[in-house]
Amino acid sequence: VALFAQNGIEVLAEASFGQSEDWTVGR
């Protein structure tokens, strides 16, 4: 989100699946 802001892009809404396990993300 901070990187987008540095590039002039504002994140107005954000949601995450809250996963730190990449095998889960792929499914």
mmCIF file of all heavy atoms, coordinates in Angstrom:
data_MODEL
# 
_entry.id   MODEL 
# 
loop_
_atom_site.group_PDB 
_atom_site.id 
_atom_site.type_symbol 
_atom_site.label_atom_id 
_atom_site.label_alt_id 
_atom_site.label_comp_id 
_atom_site.label_asym_id 
_atom_site.label_entity_id 
_atom_site.label_seq_id 
_atom_site.pdbx_PDB_ins_code 
_atom_site.Cartn_x 
_atom_site.Cartn_y 
_atom_site.Cartn_z 
_atom_site.occupancy 
_atom_site.B_iso_or_equiv 
_atom_site.pdbx_formal_charge 
_atom_site.auth_seq_id 
_atom_site.auth_comp_id 
_atom_site.auth_asym_id 
_atom_site.auth_atom_id 
_atom_site.pdbx_PDB_model_num 
ATOM 1   N N   . VAL A 1 1  ? 0.845   -1.202  0.000  1.00 0.00 ? 1  VAL A N   1 
ATOM 2   C CA  . VAL A 1 1  ? 0.000   0.000   0.000  1.00 0.00 ? 1  VAL A CA  1 
ATOM 3   C C   . VAL A 1 1  ? 0.877   1.248   0.000  1.00 0.00 ? 1  VAL A C   1 
ATOM 4   O O   . VAL A 1 1  ? 0.610   2.222   -0.719 1.00 0.00 ? 1  VAL A O   1 
ATOM 5   C CB  . VAL A 1 1  ? -0.945  -0.009  1.221  1.00 0.00 ? 1  VAL A CB  1 
ATOM 6   C CG1 . VAL A 1 1  ? -1.678  1.319   1.337  1.00 0.00 ? 1  VAL A CG1 1 
ATOM 7   C CG2 . VAL A 1 1  ? -1.948  -1.160  1.101  1.00 0.00 ? 1  VAL A CG2 1 
ATOM 8   N N   . ALA A 1 2  ? 1.947   1.228   0.790  1.00 0.00 ? 2  ALA A N   1 
ATOM 9   C CA  . ALA A 1 2  ? 2.867   2.371   0.841  1.00 0.00 ? 2  ALA A CA  1 
ATOM 10  C C   . ALA A 1 2  ? 3.569   2.578   -0.496 1.00 0.00 ? 2  ALA A C   1 
ATOM 11  O O   . ALA A 1 2  ? 3.780   3.719   -0.925 1.00 0.00 ? 2  ALA A O   1 
ATOM 12  C CB  . ALA A 1 2  ? 3.891   2.153   1.951  1.00 0.00 ? 2  ALA A CB  1 
ATOM 13  N N   . LEU A 1 3  ? 3.915   1.488   -1.162 1.00 0.00 ? 3  LEU A N   1 
ATOM 14  C CA  . LEU A 1 3  ? 4.581   1.591   -2.466 1.00 0.00 ? 3  LEU A CA  1 
ATOM 15  C C   . LEU A 1 3  ? 3.647   2.213   -3.499 1.00 0.00 ? 3  LEU A C   1 
ATOM 16  O O   . LEU A 1 3  ? 4.073   3.054   -4.301 1.00 0.00 ? 3  LEU A O   1 
ATOM 17  C CB  . LEU A 1 3  ? 5.038   0.209   -2.931 1.00 0.00 ? 3  LEU A CB  1 
ATOM 18  C CG  . LEU A 1 3  ? 5.791   0.160   -4.266 1.00 0.00 ? 3  LEU A CG  1 
ATOM 19  C CD1 . LEU A 1 3  ? 7.081   0.973   -4.192 1.00 0.00 ? 3  LEU A CD1 1 
ATOM 20  C CD2 . LEU A 1 3  ? 6.088   -1.288  -4.654 1.00 0.00 ? 3  LEU A CD2 1 
ATOM 21  N N   . PHE A 1 4  ? 2.379   1.815   -3.484 1.00 0.00 ? 4  PHE A N   1 
ATOM 22  C CA  . PHE A 1 4  ? 1.422   2.445   -4.388 1.00 0.00 ? 4  PHE A CA  1 
ATOM 23  C C   . PHE A 1 4  ? 1.338   3.948   -4.113 1.00 0.00 ? 4  PHE A C   1 
ATOM 24  O O   . PHE A 1 4  ? 1.297   4.758   -5.038 1.00 0.00 ? 4  PHE A O   1 
ATOM 25  C CB  . PHE A 1 4  ? 0.044   1.799   -4.247 1.00 0.00 ? 4  PHE A CB  1 
ATOM 26  C CG  . PHE A 1 4  ? -0.154  0.568   -5.081 1.00 0.00 ? 4  PHE A CG  1 
ATOM 27  C CD1 . PHE A 1 4  ? -0.560  -0.635  -4.501 1.00 0.00 ? 4  PHE A CD1 1 
ATOM 28  C CD2 . PHE A 1 4  ? 0.053   0.600   -6.450 1.00 0.00 ? 4  PHE A CD2 1 
ATOM 29  C CE1 . PHE A 1 4  ? -0.750  -1.762  -5.276 1.00 0.00 ? 4  PHE A CE1 1 
ATOM 30  C CE2 . PHE A 1 4  ? -0.131  -0.533  -7.228 1.00 0.00 ? 4  PHE A CE2 1 
ATOM 31  C CZ  . PHE A 1 4  ? -0.529  -1.719  -6.648 1.00 0.00 ? 4  PHE A CZ  1 
ATOM 32  N N   . ALA A 1 5  ? 1.303   4.323   -2.850 1.00 0.00 ? 5  ALA A N   1 
ATOM 33  C CA  . ALA A 1 5  ? 1.225   5.739   -2.504 1.00 0.00 ? 5  ALA A CA  1 
ATOM 34  C C   . ALA A 1 5  ? 2.429   6.514   -3.039 1.00 0.00 ? 5  ALA A C   1 
ATOM 35  O O   . ALA A 1 5  ? 2.293   7.642   -3.526 1.00 0.00 ? 5  ALA A O   1 
ATOM 36  C CB  . ALA A 1 5  ? 1.125   5.895   -0.981 1.00 0.00 ? 5  ALA A CB  1 
ATOM 37  N N   . GLN A 1 6  ? 3.604   5.897   -2.976 1.00 0.00 ? 6  GLN A N   1 
ATOM 38  C CA  . GLN A 1 6  ? 4.804   6.537   -3.513 1.00 0.00 ? 6  GLN A CA  1 
ATOM 39  C C   . GLN A 1 6  ? 4.708   6.749   -5.019 1.00 0.00 ? 6  GLN A C   1 
ATOM 40  O O   . GLN A 1 6  ? 5.351   7.645   -5.561 1.00 0.00 ? 6  GLN A O   1 
ATOM 41  C CB  . GLN A 1 6  ? 6.037   5.688   -3.195 1.00 0.00 ? 6  GLN A CB  1 
ATOM 42  C CG  . GLN A 1 6  ? 6.392   5.632   -1.722 1.00 0.00 ? 6  GLN A CG  1 
ATOM 43  C CD  . GLN A 1 6  ? 7.468   4.613   -1.426 1.00 0.00 ? 6  GLN A CD  1 
ATOM 44  O OE1 . GLN A 1 6  ? 8.178   4.147   -2.326 1.00 0.00 ? 6  GLN A OE1 1 
ATOM 45  N NE2 . GLN A 1 6  ? 7.593   4.243   -0.155 1.00 0.00 ? 6  GLN A NE2 1 
ATOM 46  N N   . ASN A 1 7  ? 3.906   5.932   -5.674 1.00 0.00 ? 7  ASN A N   1 
ATOM 47  C CA  . ASN A 1 7  ? 3.708   6.038   -7.113 1.00 0.00 ? 7  ASN A CA  1 
ATOM 48  C C   . ASN A 1 7  ? 2.458   6.842   -7.472 1.00 0.00 ? 7  ASN A C   1 
ATOM 49  O O   . ASN A 1 7  ? 1.997   6.802   -8.612 1.00 0.00 ? 7  ASN A O   1 
ATOM 50  C CB  . ASN A 1 7  ? 3.626   4.648   -7.746 1.00 0.00 ? 7  ASN A CB  1 
ATOM 51  C CG  . ASN A 1 7  ? 4.974   3.981   -7.874 1.00 0.00 ? 7  ASN A CG  1 
ATOM 52  O OD1 . ASN A 1 7  ? 5.729   4.240   -8.814 1.00 0.00 ? 7  ASN A OD1 1 
ATOM 53  N ND2 . ASN A 1 7  ? 5.307   3.115   -6.919 1.00 0.00 ? 7  ASN A ND2 1 
ATOM 54  N N   . GLY A 1 8  ? 1.894   7.557   -6.500 1.00 0.00 ? 8  GLY A N   1 
ATOM 55  C CA  . GLY A 1 8  ? 0.747   8.411   -6.768 1.00 0.00 ? 8  GLY A CA  1 
ATOM 56  C C   . GLY A 1 8  ? -0.565  7.678   -6.893 1.00 0.00 ? 8  GLY A C   1 
ATOM 57  O O   . GLY A 1 8  ? -1.519  8.200   -7.479 1.00 0.00 ? 8  GLY A O   1 
ATOM 58  N N   . ILE A 1 9  ? -0.651  6.475   -6.323 1.00 0.00 ? 9  ILE A N   1 
ATOM 59  C CA  . ILE A 1 9  ? -1.869  5.664   -6.400 1.00 0.00 ? 9  ILE A CA  1 
ATOM 60  C C   . ILE A 1 9  ? -2.375  5.412   -4.981 1.00 0.00 ? 9  ILE A C   1 
ATOM 61  O O   . ILE A 1 9  ? -1.665  4.855   -4.149 1.00 0.00 ? 9  ILE A O   1 
ATOM 62  C CB  . ILE A 1 9  ? -1.601  4.328   -7.107 1.00 0.00 ? 9  ILE A CB  1 
ATOM 63  C CG1 . ILE A 1 9  ? -1.125  4.590   -8.547 1.00 0.00 ? 9  ILE A CG1 1 
ATOM 64  C CG2 . ILE A 1 9  ? -2.849  3.449   -7.106 1.00 0.00 ? 9  ILE A CG2 1 
ATOM 65  C CD1 . ILE A 1 9  ? -0.476  3.390   -9.198 1.00 0.00 ? 9  ILE A CD1 1 
ATOM 66  N N   . GLU A 1 10 ? -3.607  5.827   -4.718 1.00 0.00 ? 10 GLU A N   1 
ATOM 67  C CA  . GLU A 1 10 ? -4.186  5.700   -3.384 1.00 0.00 ? 10 GLU A CA  1 
ATOM 68  C C   . GLU A 1 10 ? -5.034  4.428   -3.296 1.00 0.00 ? 10 GLU A C   1 
ATOM 69  O O   . GLU A 1 10 ? -5.873  4.166   -4.154 1.00 0.00 ? 10 GLU A O   1 
ATOM 70  C CB  . GLU A 1 10 ? -5.053  6.914   -3.075 1.00 0.00 ? 10 GLU A CB  1 
ATOM 71  C CG  . GLU A 1 10 ? -5.670  6.890   -1.689 1.00 0.00 ? 10 GLU A CG  1 
ATOM 72  C CD  . GLU A 1 10 ? -6.558  8.095   -1.421 1.00 0.00 ? 10 GLU A CD  1 
ATOM 73  O OE1 . GLU A 1 10 ? -6.757  8.912   -2.355 1.00 0.00 ? 10 GLU A OE1 1 
ATOM 74  O OE2 . GLU A 1 10 ? -7.076  8.213   -0.295 1.00 0.00 ? 10 GLU A OE2 1 
ATOM 75  N N   . VAL A 1 11 ? -4.797  3.639   -2.264 1.00 0.00 ? 11 VAL A N   1 
ATOM 76  C CA  . VAL A 1 11 ? -5.611  2.453   -2.008 1.00 0.00 ? 11 VAL A CA  1 
ATOM 77  C C   . VAL A 1 11 ? -6.776  2.877   -1.118 1.00 0.00 ? 11 VAL A C   1 
ATOM 78  O O   . VAL A 1 11 ? -6.615  3.113   0.076  1.00 0.00 ? 11 VAL A O   1 
ATOM 79  C CB  . VAL A 1 11 ? -4.788  1.347   -1.332 1.00 0.00 ? 11 VAL A CB  1 
ATOM 80  C CG1 . VAL A 1 11 ? -5.684  0.147   -1.011 1.00 0.00 ? 11 VAL A CG1 1 
ATOM 81  C CG2 . VAL A 1 11 ? -3.632  0.913   -2.230 1.00 0.00 ? 11 VAL A CG2 1 
ATOM 82  N N   . LEU A 1 12 ? -7.969  2.985   -1.715 1.00 0.00 ? 12 LEU A N   1 
ATOM 83  C CA  . LEU A 1 12 ? -9.151  3.432   -0.984 1.00 0.00 ? 12 LEU A CA  1 
ATOM 84  C C   . LEU A 1 12 ? -9.803  2.316   -0.182 1.00 0.00 ? 12 LEU A C   1 
ATOM 85  O O   . LEU A 1 12 ? -10.450 2.571   0.842  1.00 0.00 ? 12 LEU A O   1 
ATOM 86  C CB  . LEU A 1 12 ? -10.184 4.009   -1.954 1.00 0.00 ? 12 LEU A CB  1 
ATOM 87  C CG  . LEU A 1 12 ? -9.840  5.313   -2.661 1.00 0.00 ? 12 LEU A CG  1 
ATOM 88  C CD1 . LEU A 1 12 ? -11.010 5.749   -3.531 1.00 0.00 ? 12 LEU A CD1 1 
ATOM 89  C CD2 . LEU A 1 12 ? -9.491  6.404   -1.659 1.00 0.00 ? 12 LEU A CD2 1 
ATOM 90  N N   . ALA A 1 13 ? -9.672  1.094   -0.663 1.00 0.00 ? 13 ALA A N   1 
ATOM 91  C CA  . ALA A 1 13 ? -10.272 -0.053  0.015  1.00 0.00 ? 13 ALA A CA  1 
ATOM 92  C C   . ALA A 1 13 ? -9.336  -1.237  -0.132 1.00 0.00 ? 13 ALA A C   1 
ATOM 93  O O   . ALA A 1 13 ? -8.719  -1.424  -1.186 1.00 0.00 ? 13 ALA A O   1 
ATOM 94  C CB  . ALA A 1 13 ? -11.642 -0.380  -0.581 1.00 0.00 ? 13 ALA A CB  1 
ATOM 95  N N   . GLU A 1 14 ? -9.221  -2.011  0.925  1.00 0.00 ? 14 GLU A N   1 
ATOM 96  C CA  . GLU A 1 14 ? -8.281  -3.132  0.903  1.00 0.00 ? 14 GLU A CA  1 
ATOM 97  C C   . GLU A 1 14 ? -8.845  -4.299  1.691  1.00 0.00 ? 14 GLU A C   1 
ATOM 98  O O   . GLU A 1 14 ? -9.449  -4.116  2.755  1.00 0.00 ? 14 GLU A O   1 
ATOM 99  C CB  . GLU A 1 14 ? -6.936  -2.684  1.481  1.00 0.00 ? 14 GLU A CB  1 
ATOM 100 C CG  . GLU A 1 14 ? -5.861  -3.755  1.478  1.00 0.00 ? 14 GLU A CG  1 
ATOM 101 C CD  . GLU A 1 14 ? -5.780  -4.507  2.794  1.00 0.00 ? 14 GLU A CD  1 
ATOM 102 O OE1 . GLU A 1 14 ? -5.943  -3.868  3.844  1.00 0.00 ? 14 GLU A OE1 1 
ATOM 103 O OE2 . GLU A 1 14 ? -5.582  -5.741  2.769  1.00 0.00 ? 14 GLU A OE2 1 
ATOM 104 N N   . ALA A 1 15 ? -8.691  -5.501  1.153  1.00 0.00 ? 15 ALA A N   1 
ATOM 105 C CA  . ALA A 1 15 ? -9.093  -6.711  1.867  1.00 0.00 ? 15 ALA A CA  1 
ATOM 106 C C   . ALA A 1 15 ? -8.123  -7.824  1.520  1.00 0.00 ? 15 ALA A C   1 
ATOM 107 O O   . ALA A 1 15 ? -7.591  -7.880  0.408  1.00 0.00 ? 15 ALA A O   1 
ATOM 108 C CB  . ALA A 1 15 ? -10.524 -7.121  1.504  1.00 0.00 ? 15 ALA A CB  1 
ATOM 109 N N   . SER A 1 16 ? -7.901  -8.709  2.479  1.00 0.00 ? 16 SER A N   1 
ATOM 110 C CA  . SER A 1 16 ? -6.932  -9.782  2.292  1.00 0.00 ? 16 SER A CA  1 
ATOM 111 C C   . SER A 1 16 ? -7.498  -11.102 2.787  1.00 0.00 ? 16 SER A C   1 
ATOM 112 O O   . SER A 1 16 ? -8.311  -11.145 3.717  1.00 0.00 ? 16 SER A O   1 
ATOM 113 C CB  . SER A 1 16 ? -5.639  -9.458  3.051  1.00 0.00 ? 16 SER A CB  1 
ATOM 114 O OG  . SER A 1 16 ? -4.760  -10.569 3.044  1.00 0.00 ? 16 SER A OG  1 
ATOM 115 N N   . PHE A 1 17 ? -7.025  -12.194 2.174  1.00 0.00 ? 17 PHE A N   1 
ATOM 116 C CA  . PHE A 1 17 ? -7.370  -13.524 2.651  1.00 0.00 ? 17 PHE A CA  1 
ATOM 117 C C   . PHE A 1 17 ? -6.510  -13.916 3.857  1.00 0.00 ? 17 PHE A C   1 
ATOM 118 O O   . PHE A 1 17 ? -6.739  -14.959 4.469  1.00 0.00 ? 17 PHE A O   1 
ATOM 119 C CB  . PHE A 1 17 ? -7.204  -14.548 1.528  1.00 0.00 ? 17 PHE A CB  1 
ATOM 120 C CG  . PHE A 1 17 ? -8.140  -14.327 0.369  1.00 0.00 ? 17 PHE A CG  1 
ATOM 121 C CD1 . PHE A 1 17 ? -7.646  -13.955 -0.875 1.00 0.00 ? 17 PHE A CD1 1 
ATOM 122 C CD2 . PHE A 1 17 ? -9.506  -14.471 0.521  1.00 0.00 ? 17 PHE A CD2 1 
ATOM 123 C CE1 . PHE A 1 17 ? -8.496  -13.739 -1.944 1.00 0.00 ? 17 PHE A CE1 1 
ATOM 124 C CE2 . PHE A 1 17 ? -10.373 -14.265 -0.543 1.00 0.00 ? 17 PHE A CE2 1 
ATOM 125 C CZ  . PHE A 1 17 ? -9.864  -13.890 -1.789 1.00 0.00 ? 17 PHE A CZ  1 
ATOM 126 N N   . GLY A 1 18 ? -5.504  -13.099 4.168  1.00 0.00 ? 18 GLY A N   1 
ATOM 127 C CA  . GLY A 1 18 ? -4.723  -13.271 5.383  1.00 0.00 ? 18 GLY A CA  1 
ATOM 128 C C   . GLY A 1 18 ? -3.872  -14.523 5.435  1.00 0.00 ? 18 GLY A C   1 
ATOM 129 O O   . GLY A 1 18 ? -3.697  -15.110 6.512  1.00 0.00 ? 18 GLY A O   1 
ATOM 130 N N   . GLN A 1 19 ? -3.307  -14.917 4.288  1.00 0.00 ? 19 GLN A N   1 
ATOM 131 C CA  . GLN A 1 19 ? -2.543  -16.159 4.227  1.00 0.00 ? 19 GLN A CA  1 
ATOM 132 C C   . GLN A 1 19 ? -1.039  -15.886 4.084  1.00 0.00 ? 19 GLN A C   1 
ATOM 133 O O   . GLN A 1 19 ? -0.625  -15.049 3.291  1.00 0.00 ? 19 GLN A O   1 
ATOM 134 C CB  . GLN A 1 19 ? -3.014  -17.015 3.055  1.00 0.00 ? 19 GLN A CB  1 
ATOM 135 C CG  . GLN A 1 19 ? -4.458  -17.446 3.141  1.00 0.00 ? 19 GLN A CG  1 
ATOM 136 C CD  . GLN A 1 19 ? -4.731  -18.239 4.396  1.00 0.00 ? 19 GLN A CD  1 
ATOM 137 O OE1 . GLN A 1 19 ? -4.040  -19.223 4.690  1.00 0.00 ? 19 GLN A OE1 1 
ATOM 138 N NE2 . GLN A 1 19 ? -5.751  -17.827 5.140  1.00 0.00 ? 19 GLN A NE2 1 
ATOM 139 N N   . SER A 1 20 ? -0.239  -16.623 4.829  1.00 0.00 ? 20 SER A N   1 
ATOM 140 C CA  . SER A 1 20 ? 1.211   -16.539 4.683  1.00 0.00 ? 20 SER A CA  1 
ATOM 141 C C   . SER A 1 20 ? 1.780   -17.790 4.024  1.00 0.00 ? 20 SER A C   1 
ATOM 142 O O   . SER A 1 20 ? 2.989   -17.884 3.800  1.00 0.00 ? 20 SER A O   1 
ATOM 143 C CB  . SER A 1 20 ? 1.874   -16.355 6.056  1.00 0.00 ? 20 SER A CB  1 
ATOM 144 O OG  . SER A 1 20 ? 1.620   -17.475 6.885  1.00 0.00 ? 20 SER A OG  1 
ATOM 145 N N   . GLU A 1 21 ? 0.931   -18.745 3.705  1.00 0.00 ? 21 GLU A N   1 
ATOM 146 C CA  . GLU A 1 21 ? 1.345   -20.015 3.124  1.00 0.00 ? 21 GLU A CA  1 
ATOM 147 C C   . GLU A 1 21 ? 1.033   -20.027 1.627  1.00 0.00 ? 21 GLU A C   1 
ATOM 148 O O   . GLU A 1 21 ? -0.124  -20.007 1.213  1.00 0.00 ? 21 GLU A O   1 
ATOM 149 C CB  . GLU A 1 21 ? 0.606   -21.159 3.830  1.00 0.00 ? 21 GLU A CB  1 
ATOM 150 C CG  . GLU A 1 21 ? 0.737   -22.521 3.192  1.00 0.00 ? 21 GLU A CG  1 
ATOM 151 C CD  . GLU A 1 21 ? 2.178   -22.986 3.099  1.00 0.00 ? 21 GLU A CD  1 
ATOM 152 O OE1 . GLU A 1 21 ? 2.826   -23.159 4.139  1.00 0.00 ? 21 GLU A OE1 1 
ATOM 153 O OE2 . GLU A 1 21 ? 2.652   -23.183 1.964  1.00 0.00 ? 21 GLU A OE2 1 
ATOM 154 N N   . ASP A 1 22 ? 2.088   -20.053 0.793  1.00 0.00 ? 22 ASP A N   1 
ATOM 155 C CA  . ASP A 1 22 ? 1.903   -19.915 -0.647 1.00 0.00 ? 22 ASP A CA  1 
ATOM 156 C C   . ASP A 1 22 ? 1.159   -21.092 -1.265 1.00 0.00 ? 22 ASP A C   1 
ATOM 157 O O   . ASP A 1 22 ? 0.450   -20.935 -2.251 1.00 0.00 ? 22 ASP A O   1 
ATOM 158 C CB  . ASP A 1 22 ? 3.253   -19.729 -1.338 1.00 0.00 ? 22 ASP A CB  1 
ATOM 159 C CG  . ASP A 1 22 ? 3.153   -18.862 -2.588 1.00 0.00 ? 22 ASP A CG  1 
ATOM 160 O OD1 . ASP A 1 22 ? 2.162   -18.109 -2.717 1.00 0.00 ? 22 ASP A OD1 1 
ATOM 161 O OD2 . ASP A 1 22 ? 4.064   -18.924 -3.436 1.00 0.00 ? 22 ASP A OD2 1 
ATOM 162 N N   . TRP A 1 23 ? 1.312   -22.277 -0.694 1.00 0.00 ? 23 TRP A N   1 
ATOM 163 C CA  . TRP A 1 23 ? 0.572   -23.422 -1.223 1.00 0.00 ? 23 TRP A CA  1 
ATOM 164 C C   . TRP A 1 23 ? -0.933  -23.212 -1.063 1.00 0.00 ? 23 TRP A C   1 
ATOM 165 O O   . TRP A 1 23 ? -1.723  -23.648 -1.905 1.00 0.00 ? 23 TRP A O   1 
ATOM 166 C CB  . TRP A 1 23 ? 1.007   -24.707 -0.497 1.00 0.00 ? 23 TRP A CB  1 
ATOM 167 C CG  . TRP A 1 23 ? 2.448   -25.074 -0.687 1.00 0.00 ? 23 TRP A CG  1 
ATOM 168 C CD1 . TRP A 1 23 ? 3.418   -25.087 0.274  1.00 0.00 ? 23 TRP A CD1 1 
ATOM 169 C CD2 . TRP A 1 23 ? 3.078   -25.480 -1.900 1.00 0.00 ? 23 TRP A CD2 1 
ATOM 170 N NE1 . TRP A 1 23 ? 4.620   -25.466 -0.260 1.00 0.00 ? 23 TRP A NE1 1 
ATOM 171 C CE2 . TRP A 1 23 ? 4.440   -25.716 -1.607 1.00 0.00 ? 23 TRP A CE2 1 
ATOM 172 C CE3 . TRP A 1 23 ? 2.657   -25.662 -3.212 1.00 0.00 ? 23 TRP A CE3 1 
ATOM 173 C CZ2 . TRP A 1 23 ? 5.368   -26.128 -2.557 1.00 0.00 ? 23 TRP A CZ2 1 
ATOM 174 C CZ3 . TRP A 1 23 ? 3.576   -26.075 -4.173 1.00 0.00 ? 23 TRP A CZ3 1 
ATOM 175 C CH2 . TRP A 1 23 ? 4.900   -26.300 -3.842 1.00 0.00 ? 23 TRP A CH2 1 
ATOM 176 N N   . THR A 1 24 ? -1.333  -22.553 -0.002 1.00 0.00 ? 24 THR A N   1 
ATOM 177 C CA  . THR A 1 24 ? -2.749  -22.248 0.207  1.00 0.00 ? 24 THR A CA  1 
ATOM 178 C C   . THR A 1 24 ? -3.225  -21.200 -0.796 1.00 0.00 ? 24 THR A C   1 
ATOM 179 O O   . THR A 1 24 ? -4.317  -21.324 -1.372 1.00 0.00 ? 24 THR A O   1 
ATOM 180 C CB  . THR A 1 24 ? -2.987  -21.741 1.648  1.00 0.00 ? 24 THR A CB  1 
ATOM 181 O OG1 . THR A 1 24 ? -2.566  -22.733 2.570  1.00 0.00 ? 24 THR A OG1 1 
ATOM 182 C CG2 . THR A 1 24 ? -4.462  -21.424 1.878  1.00 0.00 ? 24 THR A CG2 1 
ATOM 183 N N   . VAL A 1 25 ? -2.416  -20.184 -1.008 1.00 0.00 ? 25 VAL A N   1 
ATOM 184 C CA  . VAL A 1 25 ? -2.792  -19.099 -1.924 1.00 0.00 ? 25 VAL A CA  1 
ATOM 185 C C   . VAL A 1 25 ? -3.108  -19.636 -3.311 1.00 0.00 ? 25 VAL A C   1 
ATOM 186 O O   . VAL A 1 25 ? -4.086  -19.228 -3.960 1.00 0.00 ? 25 VAL A O   1 
ATOM 187 C CB  . VAL A 1 25 ? -1.672  -18.040 -1.996 1.00 0.00 ? 25 VAL A CB  1 
ATOM 188 C CG1 . VAL A 1 25 ? -1.990  -16.997 -3.066 1.00 0.00 ? 25 VAL A CG1 1 
ATOM 189 C CG2 . VAL A 1 25 ? -1.481  -17.370 -0.644 1.00 0.00 ? 25 VAL A CG2 1 
ATOM 190 N N   . GLY A 1 26 ? -2.308  -20.574 -3.789 1.00 0.00 ? 26 GLY A N   1 
ATOM 191 C CA  . GLY A 1 26 ? -2.506  -21.118 -5.127 1.00 0.00 ? 26 GLY A CA  1 
ATOM 192 C C   . GLY A 1 26 ? -3.792  -21.894 -5.295 1.00 0.00 ? 26 GLY A C   1 
ATOM 193 O O   . GLY A 1 26 ? -4.210  -22.177 -6.419 1.00 0.00 ? 26 GLY A O   1 
ATOM 194 N N   . ARG A 1 27 ? -4.458  -22.234 -4.185 1.00 0.00 ? 27 ARG A N   1 
ATOM 195 C CA  . ARG A 1 27 ? -5.704  -23.002 -4.246 1.00 0.00 ? 27 ARG A CA  1 
ATOM 196 C C   . ARG A 1 27 ? -6.928  -22.171 -3.887 1.00 0.00 ? 27 ARG A C   1 
ATOM 197 O O   . ARG A 1 27 ? -8.046  -22.701 -3.841 1.00 0.00 ? 27 ARG A O   1 
ATOM 198 C CB  . ARG A 1 27 ? -5.601  -24.234 -3.339 1.00 0.00 ? 27 ARG A CB  1 
ATOM 199 C CG  . ARG A 1 27 ? -4.516  -25.216 -3.742 1.00 0.00 ? 27 ARG A CG  1 
ATOM 200 C CD  . ARG A 1 27 ? -4.679  -26.561 -3.045 1.00 0.00 ? 27 ARG A CD  1 
ATOM 201 N NE  . ARG A 1 27 ? -4.635  -26.419 -1.591 1.00 0.00 ? 27 ARG A NE  1 
ATOM 202 C CZ  . ARG A 1 27 ? -3.521  -26.408 -0.857 1.00 0.00 ? 27 ARG A CZ  1 
ATOM 203 N NH1 . ARG A 1 27 ? -2.343  -26.504 -1.454 1.00 0.00 ? 27 ARG A NH1 1 
ATOM 204 N NH2 . ARG A 1 27 ? -3.580  -26.306 0.456  1.00 0.00 ? 27 ARG A NH2 1 
# 
